């Protein structure tokens, strides 16, 4: 599967962005879809993931502000980001994996910059 992320950009603090990640193949077999981010000078960190069946998980730093969703019919996973903060700045990578023990397939990343 190939993953194509989009939707990043420059936004002021308090604003919103919606990231999309479209898969070239069928994502139905991937039980876990999600987003990581990497801020300048920092390690990549998990932002959110969505498990087939409905369970979602979020980093504490984004709970209540970000919402992850997946549309299996469109082979797409979304990340709605509201109330953005400067510390949300970074490159956001979508990923897919069949389960938490299997290989991770990465998208190419989309850059998010939040100005204060």
Protein backbone atom coordinates (compact mmCIF):
# COMPACT_ATOMS: atom_id res chain seq x y z
CA UNK A 1 0.00 0.00 0.00
CA UNK A 2 1.11 3.57 -0.68
CA UNK A 3 -0.09 6.44 1.50
CA UNK A 4 -0.41 10.04 0.33
CA UNK A 5 -0.85 12.68 3.03
CA UNK A 6 -2.19 16.17 2.37
CA UNK A 7 -3.82 19.11 4.10
CA UNK A 8 -0.92 20.67 5.95
CA UNK A 9 -0.18 24.35 5.88
CA UNK A 10 0.34 27.52 7.86
CA UNK A 11 -2.33 28.49 10.37
CA UNK A 12 -2.57 30.86 13.29
CA UNK A 13 -2.88 29.58 16.84
CA UNK A 14 -6.48 28.67 17.57
CA UNK A 15 -7.15 27.73 13.98
CA UNK A 16 -7.99 24.40 12.39
CA UNK A 17 -6.66 22.09 9.74
CA UNK A 18 -7.84 18.78 8.37
CA UNK A 19 -5.24 16.29 7.24
CA UNK A 20 -6.08 13.50 4.84
CA UNK A 21 -4.20 10.34 4.02
CA UNK A 22 -5.31 8.44 0.97
CA UNK A 23 -4.19 4.88 0.39
CA UNK A 24 -3.53 3.49 -3.05
CA UNK A 25 -4.82 0.10 -1.98
CA UNK A 26 -7.55 -1.25 0.19
CA UNK A 27 -7.03 -0.22 3.81
CA UNK A 28 -9.63 -2.59 5.15
CA UNK A 29 -6.98 -5.17 5.99
CA UNK A 30 -5.03 -2.62 8.03
CA UNK A 31 -6.46 -2.73 11.49
CA UNK A 32 -4.48 0.27 12.69
CA UNK A 33 -4.30 3.61 10.90
CA UNK A 34 -2.85 6.69 12.45
CA UNK A 35 -0.73 9.77 12.52
CA UNK A 36 2.67 10.53 13.95
CA UNK A 37 4.34 13.92 14.00
CA UNK A 38 7.89 15.12 14.23
CA UNK A 39 8.67 18.58 15.52
CA UNK A 40 11.98 20.24 14.63
CA UNK A 41 14.76 18.73 16.70
CA UNK A 42 12.48 16.17 18.33
CA UNK A 43 11.69 12.52 17.90
CA UNK A 44 8.66 11.33 16.02
CA UNK A 45 5.69 10.89 18.37
CA UNK A 46 2.32 9.21 18.04
CA UNK A 47 -0.54 11.70 17.69
CA UNK A 48 -3.54 9.42 17.22
CA UNK A 49 -4.56 6.09 15.84
CA UNK A 50 -7.83 4.47 14.83
CA UNK A 51 -8.43 0.76 15.06
CA UNK A 52 -10.86 -0.94 12.73
CA UNK A 53 -13.98 -1.44 14.80
CA UNK A 54 -14.01 2.07 16.21
CA UNK A 55 -11.42 2.41 18.97
CA UNK A 56 -9.32 5.56 18.83
CA UNK A 57 -6.30 6.61 20.84
CA UNK A 58 -4.79 10.05 21.29
CA UNK A 59 -1.69 11.56 22.75
CA UNK A 60 -2.53 13.47 25.92
CA UNK A 61 -1.34 16.69 24.29
CA UNK A 62 -4.05 16.55 21.60
CA UNK A 63 -7.00 15.01 23.46
CA UNK A 64 -10.12 17.11 23.09
CA UNK A 65 -8.65 19.04 20.15
CA UNK A 66 -7.89 16.43 17.48
CA UNK A 67 -10.19 13.82 16.01
CA UNK A 68 -9.08 10.88 13.90
CA UNK A 69 -11.45 9.08 11.60
CA UNK A 70 -11.21 6.50 8.85
CA UNK A 71 -13.34 5.95 5.79
CA UNK A 72 -12.74 2.43 4.54
CA UNK A 73 -14.89 3.01 1.48
CA UNK A 74 -12.62 5.86 0.40
CA UNK A 75 -9.41 4.21 1.67
CA UNK A 76 -8.70 7.39 3.60
CA UNK A 77 -7.86 8.37 7.16
CA UNK A 78 -8.38 11.91 8.43
CA UNK A 79 -7.08 14.01 11.27
CA UNK A 80 -9.21 16.99 12.20
CA UNK A 81 -7.11 19.40 14.21
CA UNK A 82 -8.83 22.19 16.11
CA UNK A 83 -7.57 24.80 18.57
CA UNK A 84 -4.09 24.45 17.15
CA UNK A 85 -1.13 25.55 19.22
CA UNK A 86 2.41 26.50 18.18
CA UNK A 87 3.63 23.27 19.77
CA UNK A 88 1.59 21.33 17.23
CA UNK A 89 4.03 22.49 14.57
CA UNK A 90 5.79 19.66 12.78
CA UNK A 91 5.67 17.21 9.95
CA UNK A 92 2.72 14.86 10.20
CA UNK A 93 3.06 11.33 8.88
CA UNK A 94 0.20 8.96 8.36
CA UNK A 95 0.78 5.26 8.72
CA UNK A 96 -0.93 1.91 8.39
CA UNK A 97 -0.25 -1.45 9.92
CA UNK A 98 -2.14 -4.70 10.18
CA UNK A 99 -1.64 -4.83 13.92
CA UNK A 100 0.65 -3.34 16.56
CA UNK A 101 3.29 -6.04 15.98
CA UNK A 102 3.48 -5.81 12.20
CA UNK A 103 5.33 -3.68 9.69
CA UNK A 104 4.46 0.01 9.49
CA UNK A 105 3.72 1.56 6.11
CA UNK A 106 4.44 5.30 6.12
CA UNK A 107 3.07 8.18 4.11
CA UNK A 108 5.42 10.91 2.93
CA UNK A 109 4.46 13.56 5.51
CA UNK A 110 2.69 16.88 5.37
CA UNK A 111 3.98 19.96 7.16
CA UNK A 112 1.93 21.87 9.71
CA UNK A 113 3.07 25.24 10.99
CA UNK A 114 1.15 27.02 13.72
CA UNK A 115 2.09 30.64 14.30
CA UNK A 116 1.56 32.39 17.62
